[in-house]
Amino acid sequence: MKVSKEDAARNKAALLKAASVQVRELGFAGINVAQLAKSAGLTHGALYSQFGSKDELVSAAYASALSETGSRLPVTPLRDFLARYLSEKHRDDPGHGCAIAALVSEAGRQPPNIRSEFCSGVEKFVEALEEKYGLSGMEQHDPRQAAISTIAAIVGALAISRAIVSQDKELSDEFLFSVREFLESIPE
């Protein structure tokens, strides 16, 4: 049975959404094509009709996850953003959180196309943070430097917190709280 263009577009969007979650939860190597197709409500064959290979799907899923990271920044005070980003909820749900923090330790070992996507996603995150928050309280630094420093701090704190939470929840929570408190203490 032939699939309409509208159905094909819906199928592709469903696959990308499911793959975007799965890549953040399981990493690049953890994507399971059969499970992914099932979670999107499609067949294995439907997946390969949309994407020529698993690598093509992973690259597209990663690009989708990265675009969500920058586009989901709320227009609220920086303090509120930091409270949400450096929270237990965000730490405990990597599949729906920041793709940069979820995959930072893996990105440099990926093929050039994925490294390029990662670099582009990081740049967009810097631009979004700089634009939406201006980081005006950091007068001693230019806004780009403030955005880069803030991203390095929050991504690092979140990644470390996730890596150690099963071994030492108290220390994991301390990373989230301490970095958030430090960044909030910078005078505005």
C-alpha atoms as a PDB file:
ATOM      1  CA  MET A   1       0.000   0.000   0.000  1.00  0.00           C
ATOM      2  CA  LYS A   2       1.357   3.391  -1.027  1.00  0.00           C
ATOM      3  CA  VAL A   3       1.849   5.938   1.738  1.00  0.00           C
ATOM      4  CA  SER A   4       0.658   9.501   1.081  1.00  0.00           C
ATOM      5  CA  LYS A   5       3.077  12.405   1.357  1.00  0.00           C
ATOM      6  CA  GLU A   6       1.221  13.600   4.465  1.00  0.00           C
ATOM      7  CA  ASP A   7       1.467  10.172   6.112  1.00  0.00           C
ATOM      8  CA  ALA A   8       5.143   9.907   5.169  1.00  0.00           C
ATOM      9  CA  ALA A   9       5.795  13.321   6.752  1.00  0.00           C
ATOM     10  CA  ARG A  10       3.918  12.282   9.912  1.00  0.00           C
ATOM     11  CA  ASN A  11       5.861   9.004  10.030  1.00  0.00           C
ATOM     12  CA  LYS A  12       9.162  10.824   9.680  1.00  0.00           C
ATOM     13  CA  ALA A  13       8.215  13.315  12.405  1.00  0.00           C
ATOM     14  CA  ALA A  14       7.191  10.455  14.737  1.00  0.00           C
ATOM     15  CA  LEU A  15      10.472   8.649  14.095  1.00  0.00           C
ATOM     16  CA  LEU A  16      12.512  11.806  14.682  1.00  0.00           C
ATOM     17  CA  LYS A  17      10.672  12.556  17.907  1.00  0.00           C
ATOM     18  CA  ALA A  18      11.204   9.020  19.245  1.00  0.00           C
ATOM     19  CA  ALA A  19      14.824   8.936  18.076  1.00  0.00           C
ATOM     20  CA  SER A  20      15.516  12.326  19.620  1.00  0.00           C
ATOM     21  CA  VAL A  21      14.408  11.005  23.013  1.00  0.00           C
ATOM     22  CA  GLN A  22      16.223   7.696  22.595  1.00  0.00           C
ATOM     23  CA  VAL A  23      19.550   9.242  21.565  1.00  0.00           C
ATOM     24  CA  ARG A  24      19.505  11.493  24.648  1.00  0.00           C
ATOM     25  CA  GLU A  25      18.587   8.594  26.942  1.00  0.00           C
ATOM     26  CA  LEU A  26      20.865   5.903  25.505  1.00  0.00           C
ATOM     27  CA  GLY A  27      23.577   7.711  23.572  1.00  0.00           C
ATOM     28  CA  PHE A  28      24.545   7.287  19.950  1.00  0.00           C
ATOM     29  CA  ALA A  29      25.333   3.591  20.121  1.00  0.00           C
ATOM     30  CA  GLY A  30      22.280   2.832  22.240  1.00  0.00           C
ATOM     31  CA  ILE A  31      19.690   3.495  19.553  1.00  0.00           C
ATOM     32  CA  ASN A  32      17.820   0.290  18.784  1.00  0.00           C
ATOM     33  CA  VAL A  33      16.121   0.536  15.401  1.00  0.00           C
ATOM     34  CA  ALA A  34      13.433  -2.083  16.129  1.00  0.00           C
ATOM     35  CA  GLN A  35      12.545  -0.502  19.482  1.00  0.00           C
ATOM     36  CA  LEU A  36      12.581   2.946  17.936  1.00  0.00           C
ATOM     37  CA  ALA A  37      10.173   1.952  15.157  1.00  0.00           C
ATOM     38  CA  LYS A  38       7.903   0.308  17.722  1.00  0.00           C
ATOM     39  CA  SER A  39       7.902   3.367  20.010  1.00  0.00           C
ATOM     40  CA  ALA A  40       6.966   5.544  17.017  1.00  0.00           C
ATOM     41  CA  GLY A  41       4.124   3.131  16.182  1.00  0.00           C
ATOM     42  CA  LEU A  42       5.729   2.125  12.882  1.00  0.00           C
ATOM     43  CA  THR A  43       7.412  -0.873  11.329  1.00  0.00           C
ATOM     44  CA  HIS A  44      11.101  -1.457  10.871  1.00  0.00           C
ATOM     45  CA  GLY A  45      10.580  -1.074   7.108  1.00  0.00           C
ATOM     46  CA  ALA A  46       8.885   2.299   7.545  1.00  0.00           C
ATOM     47  CA  LEU A  47      11.959   3.549   9.341  1.00  0.00           C
ATOM     48  CA  TYR A  48      14.262   2.594   6.490  1.00  0.00           C
ATOM     49  CA  SER A  49      11.895   4.103   3.930  1.00  0.00           C
ATOM     50  CA  GLN A  50      12.389   7.453   5.696  1.00  0.00           C
ATOM     51  CA  PHE A  51      16.097   7.141   6.481  1.00  0.00           C
ATOM     52  CA  GLY A  52      18.627   5.288   4.353  1.00  0.00           C
ATOM     53  CA  SER A  53      20.620   3.994   7.317  1.00  0.00           C
ATOM     54  CA  LYS A  54      20.811   3.989  11.087  1.00  0.00           C
ATOM     55  CA  ASP A  55      23.613   6.577  10.858  1.00  0.00           C
ATOM     56  CA  GLU A  56      21.388   8.887   8.821  1.00  0.00           C
ATOM     57  CA  LEU A  57      18.608   8.492  11.395  1.00  0.00           C
ATOM     58  CA  VAL A  58      20.984   9.114  14.324  1.00  0.00           C
ATOM     59  CA  SER A  59      22.351  12.246  12.672  1.00  0.00           C
ATOM     60  CA  ALA A  60      18.847  13.582  11.985  1.00  0.00           C
ATOM     61  CA  ALA A  61      17.688  12.683  15.518  1.00  0.00           C
ATOM     62  CA  TYR A  62      20.678  14.407  17.020  1.00  0.00           C
ATOM     63  CA  ALA A  63      20.105  17.537  14.939  1.00  0.00           C
ATOM     64  CA  SER A  64      16.461  17.512  16.040  1.00  0.00           C
ATOM     65  CA  ALA A  65      17.391  17.114  19.714  1.00  0.00           C
ATOM     66  CA  LEU A  66      19.932  19.939  19.471  1.00  0.00           C
ATOM     67  CA  SER A  67      17.466  22.291  17.812  1.00  0.00           C
ATOM     68  CA  GLU A  68      15.031  21.652  20.671  1.00  0.00           C
ATOM     69  CA  THR A  69      17.714  22.600  23.192  1.00  0.00           C
ATOM     70  CA  GLY A  70      18.106  26.150  21.908  1.00  0.00           C
ATOM     71  CA  SER A  71      14.500  26.715  20.922  1.00  0.00           C
ATOM     72  CA  ARG A  72      13.080  25.701  24.300  1.00  0.00           C
ATOM     73  CA  LEU A  73      14.713  28.489  26.272  1.00  0.00           C
ATOM     74  CA  PRO A  74      11.846  30.262  28.016  1.00  0.00           C
ATOM     75  CA  VAL A  75      11.700  34.023  28.058  1.00  0.00           C
ATOM     76  CA  THR A  76      11.864  34.264  31.830  1.00  0.00           C
ATOM     77  CA  PRO A  77      14.436  35.656  34.187  1.00  0.00           C
ATOM     78  CA  LEU A  78      17.809  33.909  34.003  1.00  0.00           C
ATOM     79  CA  ARG A  79      17.324  32.814  37.620  1.00  0.00           C
ATOM     80  CA  ASP A  80      14.208  30.807  36.615  1.00  0.00           C
ATOM     81  CA  PHE A  81      16.029  29.240  33.670  1.00  0.00           C
ATOM     82  CA  LEU A  82      18.899  28.181  35.933  1.00  0.00           C
ATOM     83  CA  ALA A  83      16.473  26.732  38.476  1.00  0.00           C
ATOM     84  CA  ARG A  84      14.840  24.579  35.773  1.00  0.00           C
ATOM     85  CA  TYR A  85      18.057  23.597  34.002  1.00  0.00           C
ATOM     86  CA  LEU A  86      19.932  22.692  37.176  1.00  0.00           C
ATOM     87  CA  SER A  87      17.075  20.716  38.728  1.00  0.00           C
ATOM     88  CA  GLU A  88      16.575  17.122  39.793  1.00  0.00           C
ATOM     89  CA  LYS A  89      13.735  16.848  37.267  1.00  0.00           C
ATOM     90  CA  HIS A  90      16.015  17.823  34.365  1.00  0.00           C
ATOM     91  CA  ARG A  91      18.828  15.605  35.662  1.00  0.00           C
ATOM     92  CA  ASP A  92      16.508  12.609  35.979  1.00  0.00           C
ATOM     93  CA  ASP A  93      14.917  12.920  32.517  1.00  0.00           C
ATOM     94  CA  PRO A  94      17.725  13.156  29.954  1.00  0.00           C
ATOM     95  CA  GLY A  95      15.450  11.961  27.136  1.00  0.00           C
ATOM     96  CA  HIS A  96      13.482  15.192  27.285  1.00  0.00           C
ATOM     97  CA  GLY A  97      16.257  17.519  28.345  1.00  0.00           C
ATOM     98  CA  CYS A  98      19.280  19.265  26.961  1.00  0.00           C
ATOM     99  CA  ALA A  99      20.907  17.230  24.182  1.00  0.00           C
ATOM    100  CA  ILE A 100      24.234  18.944  24.715  1.00  0.00           C
ATOM    101  CA  ALA A 101      24.463  17.808  28.335  1.00  0.00           C
ATOM    102  CA  ALA A 102      23.175  14.333  27.459  1.00  0.00           C
ATOM    103  CA  LEU A 103      25.735  13.716  24.723  1.00  0.00           C
ATOM    104  CA  VAL A 104      28.683  16.020  25.442  1.00  0.00           C
ATOM    105  CA  SER A 105      31.028  13.192  26.382  1.00  0.00           C
ATOM    106  CA  GLU A 106      30.222  11.210  23.222  1.00  0.00           C
ATOM    107  CA  ALA A 107      30.050  13.900  20.560  1.00  0.00           C
ATOM    108  CA  GLY A 108      33.789  14.227  19.959  1.00  0.00           C
ATOM    109  CA  ARG A 109      34.089  10.526  19.104  1.00  0.00           C
ATOM    110  CA  GLN A 110      31.382  10.591  16.450  1.00  0.00           C
ATOM    111  CA  PRO A 111      31.690  10.887  12.651  1.00  0.00           C
ATOM    112  CA  PRO A 112      32.316  14.360  11.217  1.00  0.00           C
ATOM    113  CA  ASN A 113      28.654  14.989  10.358  1.00  0.00           C
ATOM    114  CA  ILE A 114      27.569  14.465  13.983  1.00  0.00           C
ATOM    115  CA  ARG A 115      30.489  16.489  15.358  1.00  0.00           C
ATOM    116  CA  SER A 116      29.436  19.253  12.997  1.00  0.00           C
ATOM    117  CA  GLU A 117      25.812  19.023  14.218  1.00  0.00           C
ATOM    118  CA  PHE A 118      27.048  19.175  17.807  1.00  0.00           C
ATOM    119  CA  CYS A 119      29.178  22.240  17.127  1.00  0.00           C
ATOM    120  CA  SER A 120      26.268  23.942  15.386  1.00  0.00           C
ATOM    121  CA  GLY A 121      23.940  23.084  18.287  1.00  0.00           C
ATOM    122  CA  VAL A 122      26.368  24.492  20.830  1.00  0.00           C
ATOM    123  CA  GLU A 123      26.718  27.706  18.814  1.00  0.00           C
ATOM    124  CA  LYS A 124      22.919  28.060  18.621  1.00  0.00           C
ATOM    125  CA  PHE A 125      22.667  27.508  22.385  1.00  0.00           C
ATOM    126  CA  VAL A 126      25.269  30.239  22.985  1.00  0.00           C
ATOM    127  CA  GLU A 127      23.385  32.622  20.689  1.00  0.00           C
ATOM    128  CA  ALA A 128      20.028  31.800  22.276  1.00  0.00           C
ATOM    129  CA  LEU A 129      21.319  32.281  25.813  1.00  0.00           C
ATOM    130  CA  GLU A 130      23.033  35.520  24.869  1.00  0.00           C
ATOM    131  CA  GLU A 131      19.946  36.825  23.037  1.00  0.00           C
ATOM    132  CA  LYS A 132      17.234  35.767  25.475  1.00  0.00           C
ATOM    133  CA  TYR A 133      19.004  36.671  28.677  1.00  0.00           C
ATOM    134  CA  GLY A 134      21.574  39.221  27.606  1.00  0.00           C
ATOM    135  CA  LEU A 135      23.467  38.230  30.740  1.00  0.00           C
ATOM    136  CA  SER A 136      23.471  41.896  31.646  1.00  0.00           C
ATOM    137  CA  GLY A 137      24.567  41.227  35.205  1.00  0.00           C
ATOM    138  CA  MET A 138      27.986  40.226  33.987  1.00  0.00           C
ATOM    139  CA  GLU A 139      29.185  43.689  32.970  1.00  0.00           C
ATOM    140  CA  GLN A 140      32.806  42.715  33.456  1.00  0.00           C
ATOM    141  CA  HIS A 141      32.472  40.312  30.495  1.00  0.00           C
ATOM    142  CA  ASP A 142      31.054  40.677  27.053  1.00  0.00           C
ATOM    143  CA  PRO A 143      27.687  38.924  26.586  1.00  0.00           C
ATOM    144  CA  ARG A 144      29.127  36.119  24.430  1.00  0.00           C
ATOM    145  CA  GLN A 145      31.827  35.324  26.974  1.00  0.00           C
ATOM    146  CA  ALA A 146      29.194  35.319  29.725  1.00  0.00           C
ATOM    147  CA  ALA A 147      26.960  32.971  27.688  1.00  0.00           C
ATOM    148  CA  ILE A 148      29.837  30.576  26.964  1.00  0.00           C
ATOM    149  CA  SER A 149      30.922  30.538  30.603  1.00  0.00           C
ATOM    150  CA  THR A 150      27.351  29.977  31.797  1.00  0.00           C
ATOM    151  CA  ILE A 151      26.812  27.112  29.350  1.00  0.00           C
ATOM    152  CA  ALA A 152      30.098  25.475  30.335  1.00  0.00           C
ATOM    153  CA  ALA A 153      29.084  25.669  33.995  1.00  0.00           C
ATOM    154  CA  ILE A 154      25.504  24.395  33.623  1.00  0.00           C
ATOM    155  CA  VAL A 155      26.248  21.652  31.095  1.00  0.00           C
ATOM    156  CA  GLY A 156      29.198  20.450  33.159  1.00  0.00           C
ATOM    157  CA  ALA A 157      27.216  20.479  36.400  1.00  0.00           C
ATOM    158  CA  LEU A 158      24.295  18.619  34.821  1.00  0.00           C
ATOM    159  CA  ALA A 159      26.525  16.022  33.127  1.00  0.00           C
ATOM    160  CA  ILE A 160      28.480  15.346  36.333  1.00  0.00           C
ATOM    161  CA  SER A 161      25.295  15.245  38.392  1.00  0.00           C
ATOM    162  CA  ARG A 162      23.796  12.642  36.042  1.00  0.00           C
ATOM    163  CA  ALA A 163      26.972  10.575  36.040  1.00  0.00           C
ATOM    164  CA  ILE A 164      27.137  10.265  39.825  1.00  0.00           C
ATOM    165  CA  VAL A 165      23.500  10.323  40.959  1.00  0.00           C
ATOM    166  CA  SER A 166      23.206   6.531  41.338  1.00  0.00           C
ATOM    167  CA  GLN A 167      26.345   6.416  43.484  1.00  0.00           C
ATOM    168  CA  ASP A 168      26.003   9.578  45.552  1.00  0.00           C
ATOM    169  CA  LYS A 169      22.709  11.463  45.228  1.00  0.00           C
ATOM    170  CA  GLU A 170      23.754  14.030  47.834  1.00  0.00           C
ATOM    171  CA  LEU A 171      26.882  14.993  45.885  1.00  0.00           C
ATOM    172  CA  SER A 172      24.870  14.948  42.648  1.00  0.00           C
ATOM    173  CA  ASP A 173      22.345  17.374  44.147  1.00  0.00           C
ATOM    174  CA  GLU A 174      25.203  19.492  45.480  1.00  0.00           C
ATOM    175  CA  PHE A 175      26.589  19.987  41.961  1.00  0.00           C
ATOM    176  CA  LEU A 176      23.202  21.249  40.758  1.00  0.00           C
ATOM    177  CA  PHE A 177      22.646  23.514  43.745  1.00  0.00           C
ATOM    178  CA  SER A 178      26.186  24.886  44.019  1.00  0.00           C
ATOM    179  CA  VAL A 179      26.528  25.884  40.369  1.00  0.00           C
ATOM    180  CA  ARG A 180      23.020  27.375  40.328  1.00  0.00           C
ATOM    181  CA  GLU A 181      23.731  29.333  43.516  1.00  0.00           C
ATOM    182  CA  PHE A 182      27.090  30.540  42.197  1.00  0.00           C
ATOM    183  CA  LEU A 183      25.628  31.771  38.894  1.00  0.00           C
ATOM    184  CA  GLU A 184      22.694  33.425  40.674  1.00  0.00           C
ATOM    185  CA  SER A 185      25.109  35.259  42.971  1.00  0.00           C
ATOM    186  CA  ILE A 186      26.650  37.193  40.089  1.00  0.00           C
ATOM    187  CA  PRO A 187      25.318  40.725  40.543  1.00  0.00           C
ATOM    188  CA  GLU A 188      22.801  42.035  38.067  1.00  0.00           C
END
